[in-house]
Amino acid sequence: MAKITNNIATSDYGITFQHEKMQSGELRFRLISEDGSSYIRTVNAKHGVWQNSHHHQAIKETYIVQKGWVAVASLIDGVLSLEIANTGDTFSVQPLIIHNLYLSADSVIHTIKQGASISHDWFGNSDLDKATKHLSEEDIKKIITSIQNKPLI
């Protein structure tokens, strides 16, 4: 077995690394391919936090919740949807779907981005931010509980 250095991964295979601490305290560790696909390990801070609402034109995102729980908000045809994903759950968000995530305290998620490579495939959405960013964990749990307790008919 031969080790591949970061420099060789970049020069020979088009794989780069980008790690950062977000303003929210989240730690993001990225492995990025020149074809537009990537892997991100996100480790959340000691408090819950909303990410920024967005969509992608060509990228499909698949999420794996390793630890904690995540609220998944999406906006489709002006209708807000809110669901919970717990430890061990996986879910995907298709291209063009406006979405946002709330990460519970100390949560860890894995994000796999796949799809055609286009330049800068991240588009913010202030409408979903306005509908979600003010929601606390307590608010999220109340909304989810009220949805689950509604009769189907």
C-alpha atoms as a PDB file:
ATOM      1  CA  MET A   1       0.000   0.000   0.000  1.00  0.00           C
ATOM      2  CA  ALA A   2       1.353   3.417  -0.993  1.00  0.00           C
ATOM      3  CA  LYS A   3       0.233   6.586   0.736  1.00  0.00           C
ATOM      4  CA  ILE A   4      -1.067   9.431  -1.397  1.00  0.00           C
ATOM      5  CA  THR A   5      -0.085  12.879  -0.155  1.00  0.00           C
ATOM      6  CA  ASN A   6      -2.437  15.850  -0.396  1.00  0.00           C
ATOM      7  CA  ASN A   7      -0.197  17.343  -3.098  1.00  0.00           C
ATOM      8  CA  ILE A   8      -0.321  14.173  -5.216  1.00  0.00           C
ATOM      9  CA  ALA A   9      -4.082  13.824  -4.670  1.00  0.00           C
ATOM     10  CA  THR A  10      -4.482  17.331  -6.106  1.00  0.00           C
ATOM     11  CA  SER A  11      -1.920  17.231  -8.924  1.00  0.00           C
ATOM     12  CA  ASP A  12      -2.523  13.663 -10.161  1.00  0.00           C
ATOM     13  CA  TYR A  13      -6.173  13.014  -9.280  1.00  0.00           C
ATOM     14  CA  GLY A  14      -7.882  16.417  -9.077  1.00  0.00           C
ATOM     15  CA  ILE A  15      -8.859  16.005  -5.418  1.00  0.00           C
ATOM     16  CA  THR A  16      -8.574  19.019  -3.129  1.00  0.00           C
ATOM     17  CA  PHE A  17      -9.221  19.565   0.550  1.00  0.00           C
ATOM     18  CA  GLN A  18     -10.990  22.487   2.151  1.00  0.00           C
ATOM     19  CA  HIS A  19     -11.574  22.625   5.893  1.00  0.00           C
ATOM     20  CA  GLU A  20     -13.137  25.524   7.733  1.00  0.00           C
ATOM     21  CA  LYS A  21     -14.843  26.671  10.890  1.00  0.00           C
ATOM     22  CA  MET A  22     -18.108  28.404   9.999  1.00  0.00           C
ATOM     23  CA  GLN A  23     -19.360  31.525  11.829  1.00  0.00           C
ATOM     24  CA  SER A  24     -21.944  29.289  13.533  1.00  0.00           C
ATOM     25  CA  GLY A  25     -19.177  27.156  15.063  1.00  0.00           C
ATOM     26  CA  GLU A  26     -19.711  24.201  12.706  1.00  0.00           C
ATOM     27  CA  LEU A  27     -16.550  22.450  11.563  1.00  0.00           C
ATOM     28  CA  ARG A  28     -16.598  21.346   7.904  1.00  0.00           C
ATOM     29  CA  PHE A  29     -14.022  18.967   6.480  1.00  0.00           C
ATOM     30  CA  ARG A  30     -14.278  18.738   2.674  1.00  0.00           C
ATOM     31  CA  LEU A  31     -12.852  16.367   0.073  1.00  0.00           C
ATOM     32  CA  ILE A  32     -13.583  17.884  -3.351  1.00  0.00           C
ATOM     33  CA  SER A  33     -13.183  16.417  -6.836  1.00  0.00           C
ATOM     34  CA  GLU A  34     -12.664  18.480  -9.960  1.00  0.00           C
ATOM     35  CA  ASP A  35     -15.803  16.827 -11.430  1.00  0.00           C
ATOM     36  CA  GLY A  36     -18.005  18.710  -8.931  1.00  0.00           C
ATOM     37  CA  SER A  37     -18.643  15.843  -6.537  1.00  0.00           C
ATOM     38  CA  SER A  38     -17.550  16.101  -2.917  1.00  0.00           C
ATOM     39  CA  TYR A  39     -17.776  14.717   0.588  1.00  0.00           C
ATOM     40  CA  ILE A  40     -18.231  16.880   3.683  1.00  0.00           C
ATOM     41  CA  ARG A  41     -18.029  15.817   7.324  1.00  0.00           C
ATOM     42  CA  THR A  42     -19.806  18.440   9.438  1.00  0.00           C
ATOM     43  CA  VAL A  43     -19.304  18.481  13.205  1.00  0.00           C
ATOM     44  CA  ASN A  44     -21.665  20.885  14.918  1.00  0.00           C
ATOM     45  CA  ALA A  45     -20.905  23.147  17.845  1.00  0.00           C
ATOM     46  CA  LYS A  46     -22.215  22.770  21.387  1.00  0.00           C
ATOM     47  CA  HIS A  47     -25.503  24.441  20.375  1.00  0.00           C
ATOM     48  CA  GLY A  48     -28.064  23.837  17.643  1.00  0.00           C
ATOM     49  CA  VAL A  49     -27.758  25.917  14.491  1.00  0.00           C
ATOM     50  CA  TRP A  50     -29.535  26.539  11.199  1.00  0.00           C
ATOM     51  CA  GLN A  51     -27.410  26.433   8.077  1.00  0.00           C
ATOM     52  CA  ASN A  52     -28.153  28.776   5.142  1.00  0.00           C
ATOM     53  CA  SER A  53     -31.082  27.973   2.853  1.00  0.00           C
ATOM     54  CA  HIS A  54     -30.097  27.126  -0.700  1.00  0.00           C
ATOM     55  CA  HIS A  55     -30.584  24.944  -3.752  1.00  0.00           C
ATOM     56  CA  HIS A  56     -28.352  23.474  -6.438  1.00  0.00           C
ATOM     57  CA  GLN A  57     -28.935  23.434 -10.188  1.00  0.00           C
ATOM     58  CA  ALA A  58     -27.197  20.098 -10.867  1.00  0.00           C
ATOM     59  CA  ILE A  59     -25.974  18.679  -7.557  1.00  0.00           C
ATOM     60  CA  LYS A  60     -27.875  16.031  -5.589  1.00  0.00           C
ATOM     61  CA  GLU A  61     -27.000  15.976  -1.892  1.00  0.00           C
ATOM     62  CA  THR A  62     -27.234  12.811   0.191  1.00  0.00           C
ATOM     63  CA  TYR A  63     -26.976  13.206   3.954  1.00  0.00           C
ATOM     64  CA  ILE A  64     -26.120  10.647   6.617  1.00  0.00           C
ATOM     65  CA  VAL A  65     -26.804  11.537  10.253  1.00  0.00           C
ATOM     66  CA  GLN A  66     -24.030   9.926  12.291  1.00  0.00           C
ATOM     67  CA  LYS A  67     -24.813  11.553  15.628  1.00  0.00           C
ATOM     68  CA  GLY A  68     -27.655  13.686  16.950  1.00  0.00           C
ATOM     69  CA  TRP A  69     -30.605  14.784  14.849  1.00  0.00           C
ATOM     70  CA  VAL A  70     -31.267  17.132  11.974  1.00  0.00           C
ATOM     71  CA  ALA A  71     -34.375  19.091  10.982  1.00  0.00           C
ATOM     72  CA  VAL A  72     -34.781  19.152   7.207  1.00  0.00           C
ATOM     73  CA  ALA A  73     -36.752  22.112   5.841  1.00  0.00           C
ATOM     74  CA  SER A  74     -37.683  22.373   2.178  1.00  0.00           C
ATOM     75  CA  LEU A  75     -39.702  24.807   0.133  1.00  0.00           C
ATOM     76  CA  ILE A  76     -41.548  23.313  -2.829  1.00  0.00           C
ATOM     77  CA  ASP A  77     -44.006  25.449  -4.814  1.00  0.00           C
ATOM     78  CA  GLY A  78     -44.198  27.853  -1.867  1.00  0.00           C
ATOM     79  CA  VAL A  79     -45.101  25.100   0.625  1.00  0.00           C
ATOM     80  CA  LEU A  80     -42.831  24.604   3.651  1.00  0.00           C
ATOM     81  CA  SER A  81     -42.034  21.032   4.663  1.00  0.00           C
ATOM     82  CA  LEU A  82     -40.240  20.142   7.904  1.00  0.00           C
ATOM     83  CA  GLU A  83     -38.995  16.674   8.858  1.00  0.00           C
ATOM     84  CA  ILE A  84     -36.605  15.171  11.391  1.00  0.00           C
ATOM     85  CA  ALA A  85     -33.736  12.809  10.577  1.00  0.00           C
ATOM     86  CA  ASN A  86     -32.193  10.959  13.534  1.00  0.00           C
ATOM     87  CA  THR A  87     -28.924   9.123  14.146  1.00  0.00           C
ATOM     88  CA  GLY A  88     -28.509   6.471  11.442  1.00  0.00           C
ATOM     89  CA  ASP A  89     -30.981   8.075   9.022  1.00  0.00           C
ATOM     90  CA  THR A  90     -30.125   9.002   5.457  1.00  0.00           C
ATOM     91  CA  PHE A  91     -31.966  11.298   3.085  1.00  0.00           C
ATOM     92  CA  SER A  92     -31.342  12.993  -0.238  1.00  0.00           C
ATOM     93  CA  VAL A  93     -32.215  16.376  -1.666  1.00  0.00           C
ATOM     94  CA  GLN A  94     -32.637  16.545  -5.431  1.00  0.00           C
ATOM     95  CA  PRO A  95     -31.358  19.429  -7.600  1.00  0.00           C
ATOM     96  CA  LEU A  96     -33.566  22.563  -7.662  1.00  0.00           C
ATOM     97  CA  ILE A  97     -35.166  21.791  -4.254  1.00  0.00           C
ATOM     98  CA  ILE A  98     -34.735  24.731  -1.876  1.00  0.00           C
ATOM     99  CA  HIS A  99     -33.655  23.344   1.491  1.00  0.00           C
ATOM    100  CA  ASN A 100     -32.109  24.109   4.847  1.00  0.00           C
ATOM    101  CA  LEU A 101     -30.859  22.028   7.779  1.00  0.00           C
ATOM    102  CA  TYR A 102     -30.977  22.578  11.513  1.00  0.00           C
ATOM    103  CA  LEU A 103     -28.212  20.624  13.239  1.00  0.00           C
ATOM    104  CA  SER A 104     -28.756  19.719  16.882  1.00  0.00           C
ATOM    105  CA  ALA A 105     -25.982  20.356  19.402  1.00  0.00           C
ATOM    106  CA  ASP A 106     -22.916  18.123  18.933  1.00  0.00           C
ATOM    107  CA  SER A 107     -24.421  16.478  15.846  1.00  0.00           C
ATOM    108  CA  VAL A 108     -22.248  14.955  13.122  1.00  0.00           C
ATOM    109  CA  ILE A 109     -23.421  14.564   9.543  1.00  0.00           C
ATOM    110  CA  HIS A 110     -21.875  13.381   6.298  1.00  0.00           C
ATOM    111  CA  THR A 111     -22.870  15.061   3.038  1.00  0.00           C
ATOM    112  CA  ILE A 112     -22.191  13.501  -0.348  1.00  0.00           C
ATOM    113  CA  LYS A 113     -22.582  15.839  -3.309  1.00  0.00           C
ATOM    114  CA  GLN A 114     -22.951  14.224  -6.701  1.00  0.00           C
ATOM    115  CA  GLY A 115     -23.896  15.388 -10.158  1.00  0.00           C
ATOM    116  CA  ALA A 116     -22.734  17.245 -13.211  1.00  0.00           C
ATOM    117  CA  SER A 117     -19.996  19.752 -12.655  1.00  0.00           C
ATOM    118  CA  ILE A 118     -21.017  23.351 -13.105  1.00  0.00           C
ATOM    119  CA  SER A 119     -19.281  26.391 -11.771  1.00  0.00           C
ATOM    120  CA  HIS A 120     -20.573  27.605  -8.407  1.00  0.00           C
ATOM    121  CA  ASP A 121     -23.679  25.412  -7.960  1.00  0.00           C
ATOM    122  CA  TRP A 122     -24.981  26.968  -4.716  1.00  0.00           C
ATOM    123  CA  PHE A 123     -27.850  29.477  -4.744  1.00  0.00           C
ATOM    124  CA  GLY A 124     -29.068  31.069  -1.498  1.00  0.00           C
ATOM    125  CA  ASN A 125     -32.757  31.525  -0.681  1.00  0.00           C
ATOM    126  CA  SER A 126     -33.869  34.279   1.689  1.00  0.00           C
ATOM    127  CA  ASP A 127     -37.548  33.127   1.660  1.00  0.00           C
ATOM    128  CA  LEU A 128     -36.717  29.812   3.334  1.00  0.00           C
ATOM    129  CA  ASP A 129     -34.265  31.547   5.676  1.00  0.00           C
ATOM    130  CA  LYS A 130     -37.096  33.857   6.805  1.00  0.00           C
ATOM    131  CA  ALA A 131     -39.362  30.850   7.387  1.00  0.00           C
ATOM    132  CA  THR A 132     -36.820  28.789   9.341  1.00  0.00           C
ATOM    133  CA  LYS A 133     -33.898  30.644  10.906  1.00  0.00           C
ATOM    134  CA  HIS A 134     -35.998  32.064  13.765  1.00  0.00           C
ATOM    135  CA  LEU A 135     -37.255  28.568  14.758  1.00  0.00           C
ATOM    136  CA  SER A 136     -35.716  27.188  17.955  1.00  0.00           C
ATOM    137  CA  GLU A 137     -35.355  23.477  18.757  1.00  0.00           C
ATOM    138  CA  GLU A 138     -38.499  23.766  20.848  1.00  0.00           C
ATOM    139  CA  ASP A 139     -40.360  25.349  17.913  1.00  0.00           C
ATOM    140  CA  ILE A 140     -39.158  22.620  15.535  1.00  0.00           C
ATOM    141  CA  LYS A 141     -40.268  19.842  17.889  1.00  0.00           C
ATOM    142  CA  LYS A 142     -43.685  21.469  18.388  1.00  0.00           C
ATOM    143  CA  ILE A 143     -44.206  21.778  14.637  1.00  0.00           C
ATOM    144  CA  ILE A 144     -43.155  18.173  14.007  1.00  0.00           C
ATOM    145  CA  THR A 145     -45.401  16.925  16.837  1.00  0.00           C
ATOM    146  CA  SER A 146     -48.395  18.900  15.544  1.00  0.00           C
ATOM    147  CA  ILE A 147     -47.869  17.499  12.031  1.00  0.00           C
ATOM    148  CA  GLN A 148     -47.600  13.939  13.356  1.00  0.00           C
ATOM    149  CA  ASN A 149     -50.749  14.278  15.467  1.00  0.00           C
ATOM    150  CA  LYS A 150     -53.000  15.603  12.682  1.00  0.00           C
ATOM    151  CA  PRO A 151     -55.595  13.190  11.331  1.00  0.00           C
ATOM    152  CA  LEU A 152     -54.907  11.974   7.782  1.00  0.00           C
ATOM    153  CA  ILE A 153     -58.506  12.657   6.655  1.00  0.00           C
END
